[in-house]
Amino acid sequence: MATDFAIYFCEPRKPWQRGTNENTHWLLRQYIPDGTDVSTFTQRQLYSVALKLNQRPRKTLEFESPAAKLQQVSR
């Protein structure tokens, strides 16, 4: 699948260069607190978290969800 997305490499230890990434990390921590052993989760639980995150509208995506945007670009 051709995406035509630009790739950007951030410098280590500079979180201000990765705003969207840091926001997604914060959203993930709402479901899986920092320091939690992820191996204690079932595949079904992890899938549920991923589904919730991918269906959540994002300001950076004009208040559409990542799932909706992916569907738009993959048509």
N, C-alpha and C. Protein backbone atom coordinates (compact mmCIF):
# COMPACT_ATOMS: atom_id res chain seq x y z
N MET A 1 0.85 -1.17 0.00
CA MET A 1 0.00 0.00 0.00
C MET A 1 0.90 1.23 0.00
N ALA A 2 0.76 2.06 -0.99
CA ALA A 2 1.51 3.32 -1.04
C ALA A 2 0.85 4.33 -0.12
N THR A 3 1.64 5.02 0.68
CA THR A 3 1.08 5.96 1.65
C THR A 3 1.45 7.40 1.38
N ASP A 4 2.58 7.64 0.78
CA ASP A 4 3.06 9.01 0.53
C ASP A 4 3.21 9.82 1.81
N PHE A 5 3.56 9.18 2.90
CA PHE A 5 3.78 9.87 4.17
C PHE A 5 5.25 10.25 4.30
N ALA A 6 5.49 11.41 4.84
CA ALA A 6 6.86 11.82 5.13
C ALA A 6 7.31 11.14 6.42
N ILE A 7 8.57 10.82 6.51
CA ILE A 7 9.13 10.20 7.71
C ILE A 7 10.00 11.24 8.41
N TYR A 8 9.83 11.34 9.71
CA TYR A 8 10.57 12.32 10.51
C TYR A 8 11.26 11.59 11.65
N PHE A 9 12.54 11.77 11.80
CA PHE A 9 13.29 11.15 12.89
C PHE A 9 13.57 12.18 13.97
N CYS A 10 13.15 11.89 15.19
CA CYS A 10 13.36 12.80 16.32
C CYS A 10 14.65 12.45 17.04
N GLU A 11 15.19 13.44 17.70
CA GLU A 11 16.40 13.23 18.48
C GLU A 11 16.05 12.59 19.83
N PRO A 12 16.94 11.74 20.35
CA PRO A 12 16.70 11.12 21.66
C PRO A 12 16.57 12.16 22.77
N ARG A 13 15.75 11.86 23.75
CA ARG A 13 15.55 12.69 24.95
C ARG A 13 15.06 14.11 24.63
N LYS A 14 14.29 14.24 23.56
CA LYS A 14 13.71 15.54 23.20
C LYS A 14 12.22 15.35 22.90
N PRO A 15 11.40 15.16 23.95
CA PRO A 15 9.98 14.83 23.74
C PRO A 15 9.20 15.91 23.01
N TRP A 16 9.65 17.17 23.06
CA TRP A 16 8.93 18.24 22.36
C TRP A 16 8.99 18.06 20.84
N GLN A 17 9.86 17.20 20.35
CA GLN A 17 9.94 16.94 18.92
C GLN A 17 8.92 15.88 18.48
N ARG A 18 8.29 15.23 19.44
CA ARG A 18 7.36 14.16 19.12
C ARG A 18 6.02 14.34 19.84
N GLY A 19 5.40 15.46 19.64
CA GLY A 19 4.17 15.79 20.36
C GLY A 19 3.07 14.76 20.23
N THR A 20 2.78 14.33 19.00
CA THR A 20 1.71 13.36 18.80
C THR A 20 2.06 12.03 19.45
N ASN A 21 3.31 11.63 19.35
CA ASN A 21 3.76 10.40 19.97
C ASN A 21 3.61 10.46 21.48
N GLU A 22 3.99 11.58 22.07
CA GLU A 22 3.87 11.75 23.52
C GLU A 22 2.40 11.74 23.94
N ASN A 23 1.54 12.35 23.15
CA ASN A 23 0.11 12.36 23.46
C ASN A 23 -0.46 10.94 23.41
N THR A 24 -0.07 10.17 22.40
CA THR A 24 -0.53 8.79 22.29
C THR A 24 -0.04 7.96 23.46
N HIS A 25 1.18 8.19 23.89
CA HIS A 25 1.73 7.50 25.05
C HIS A 25 0.90 7.81 26.29
N TRP A 26 0.52 9.08 26.45
CA TRP A 26 -0.31 9.49 27.59
C TRP A 26 -1.68 8.80 27.52
N LEU A 27 -2.27 8.73 26.31
CA LEU A 27 -3.56 8.06 26.15
C LEU A 27 -3.45 6.58 26.50
N LEU A 28 -2.37 5.94 26.08
CA LEU A 28 -2.16 4.52 26.39
C LEU A 28 -2.06 4.30 27.90
N ARG A 29 -1.41 5.23 28.59
CA ARG A 29 -1.23 5.11 30.04
C ARG A 29 -2.56 5.23 30.80
N GLN A 30 -3.61 5.71 30.15
CA GLN A 30 -4.93 5.72 30.78
C GLN A 30 -5.46 4.29 30.95
N TYR A 31 -5.01 3.39 30.09
CA TYR A 31 -5.45 2.00 30.12
C TYR A 31 -4.41 1.07 30.74
N ILE A 32 -3.14 1.39 30.52
CA ILE A 32 -2.04 0.57 31.03
C ILE A 32 -1.08 1.49 31.75
N PRO A 33 -1.17 1.56 33.08
CA PRO A 33 -0.31 2.48 33.85
C PRO A 33 1.17 2.18 33.65
N ASP A 34 1.99 3.20 33.76
CA ASP A 34 3.44 3.08 33.64
C ASP A 34 3.95 2.07 34.66
N GLY A 35 4.84 1.20 34.25
CA GLY A 35 5.40 0.20 35.14
C GLY A 35 4.62 -1.10 35.17
N THR A 36 3.48 -1.16 34.50
CA THR A 36 2.66 -2.37 34.47
C THR A 36 3.34 -3.43 33.60
N ASP A 37 3.33 -4.66 34.06
CA ASP A 37 3.87 -5.77 33.28
C ASP A 37 2.84 -6.15 32.21
N VAL A 38 3.11 -5.78 30.98
CA VAL A 38 2.16 -5.99 29.89
C VAL A 38 1.94 -7.48 29.63
N SER A 39 2.88 -8.32 30.02
CA SER A 39 2.73 -9.76 29.80
C SER A 39 1.60 -10.35 30.64
N THR A 40 1.08 -9.59 31.61
CA THR A 40 -0.04 -10.08 32.41
C THR A 40 -1.39 -9.87 31.71
N PHE A 41 -1.39 -9.12 30.61
CA PHE A 41 -2.61 -8.88 29.86
C PHE A 41 -2.82 -9.99 28.84
N THR A 42 -4.07 -10.32 28.60
CA THR A 42 -4.38 -11.28 27.53
C THR A 42 -4.34 -10.56 26.19
N GLN A 43 -4.26 -11.32 25.12
CA GLN A 43 -4.29 -10.74 23.78
C GLN A 43 -5.60 -10.00 23.57
N ARG A 44 -6.67 -10.55 24.10
CA ARG A 44 -7.99 -9.91 23.97
C ARG A 44 -8.02 -8.55 24.66
N GLN A 45 -7.42 -8.45 25.84
CA GLN A 45 -7.37 -7.17 26.57
C GLN A 45 -6.55 -6.14 25.80
N LEU A 46 -5.41 -6.55 25.26
CA LEU A 46 -4.57 -5.63 24.49
C LEU A 46 -5.28 -5.18 23.22
N TYR A 47 -5.98 -6.10 22.58
CA TYR A 47 -6.74 -5.75 21.38
C TYR A 47 -7.82 -4.72 21.72
N SER A 48 -8.47 -4.90 22.86
CA SER A 48 -9.51 -3.97 23.31
C SER A 48 -8.95 -2.57 23.51
N VAL A 49 -7.77 -2.47 24.13
CA VAL A 49 -7.12 -1.17 24.33
C VAL A 49 -6.78 -0.54 22.98
N ALA A 50 -6.21 -1.33 22.08
CA ALA A 50 -5.85 -0.82 20.75
C ALA A 50 -7.09 -0.33 20.00
N LEU A 51 -8.18 -1.07 20.10
CA LEU A 51 -9.42 -0.68 19.44
C LEU A 51 -9.94 0.65 19.99
N LYS A 52 -9.92 0.80 21.31
CA LYS A 52 -10.37 2.05 21.93
C LYS A 52 -9.51 3.23 21.48
N LEU A 53 -8.20 3.04 21.46
CA LEU A 53 -7.30 4.12 21.05
C LEU A 53 -7.48 4.48 19.57
N ASN A 54 -7.67 3.47 18.73
CA ASN A 54 -7.80 3.71 17.30
C ASN A 54 -9.16 4.28 16.90
N GLN A 55 -10.14 4.17 17.79
CA GLN A 55 -11.46 4.72 17.51
C GLN A 55 -11.68 6.07 18.19
N ARG A 56 -10.71 6.54 18.93
CA ARG A 56 -10.83 7.80 19.66
C ARG A 56 -10.47 8.98 18.75
N PRO A 57 -11.36 9.96 18.61
CA PRO A 57 -11.05 11.13 17.77
C PRO A 57 -9.82 11.88 18.29
N ARG A 58 -9.04 12.42 17.36
CA ARG A 58 -7.83 13.17 17.70
C ARG A 58 -7.86 14.55 17.08
N LYS A 59 -7.43 15.53 17.83
CA LYS A 59 -7.37 16.91 17.33
C LYS A 59 -6.48 17.00 16.10
N THR A 60 -5.35 16.29 16.12
CA THR A 60 -4.40 16.36 15.00
C THR A 60 -4.95 15.73 13.72
N LEU A 61 -6.04 14.97 13.85
CA LEU A 61 -6.67 14.35 12.68
C LEU A 61 -8.01 15.03 12.37
N GLU A 62 -8.11 16.30 12.74
CA GLU A 62 -9.33 17.08 12.52
C GLU A 62 -10.53 16.43 13.21
N PHE A 63 -10.28 15.92 14.40
CA PHE A 63 -11.28 15.28 15.27
C PHE A 63 -11.91 14.04 14.65
N GLU A 64 -11.13 13.36 13.81
CA GLU A 64 -11.52 12.04 13.33
C GLU A 64 -10.62 11.03 14.03
N SER A 65 -11.02 9.79 13.99
CA SER A 65 -10.23 8.75 14.64
C SER A 65 -9.14 8.24 13.70
N PRO A 66 -8.07 7.66 14.26
CA PRO A 66 -7.05 7.06 13.40
C PRO A 66 -7.64 5.98 12.49
N ALA A 67 -8.59 5.21 12.99
CA ALA A 67 -9.21 4.16 12.17
C ALA A 67 -9.94 4.77 10.98
N ALA A 68 -10.67 5.86 11.20
CA ALA A 68 -11.40 6.52 10.11
C ALA A 68 -10.45 7.11 9.08
N LYS A 69 -9.37 7.73 9.54
CA LYS A 69 -8.39 8.31 8.61
C LYS A 69 -7.71 7.23 7.78
N LEU A 70 -7.37 6.10 8.43
CA LEU A 70 -6.74 5.01 7.69
C LEU A 70 -7.68 4.47 6.62
N GLN A 71 -8.94 4.36 6.97
CA GLN A 71 -9.92 3.89 6.00
C GLN A 71 -10.01 4.86 4.81
N GLN A 72 -9.95 6.15 5.08
CA GLN A 72 -10.01 7.16 4.00
C GLN A 72 -8.82 7.05 3.05
N VAL A 73 -7.63 6.90 3.59
CA VAL A 73 -6.43 6.87 2.74
C VAL A 73 -6.22 5.53 2.06
N SER A 74 -6.87 4.48 2.53
CA SER A 74 -6.67 3.16 1.94
C SER A 74 -7.73 2.81 0.90
N ARG A 75 -8.57 3.76 0.55
CA ARG A 75 -9.60 3.50 -0.48
C ARG A 75 -9.00 3.53 -1.85
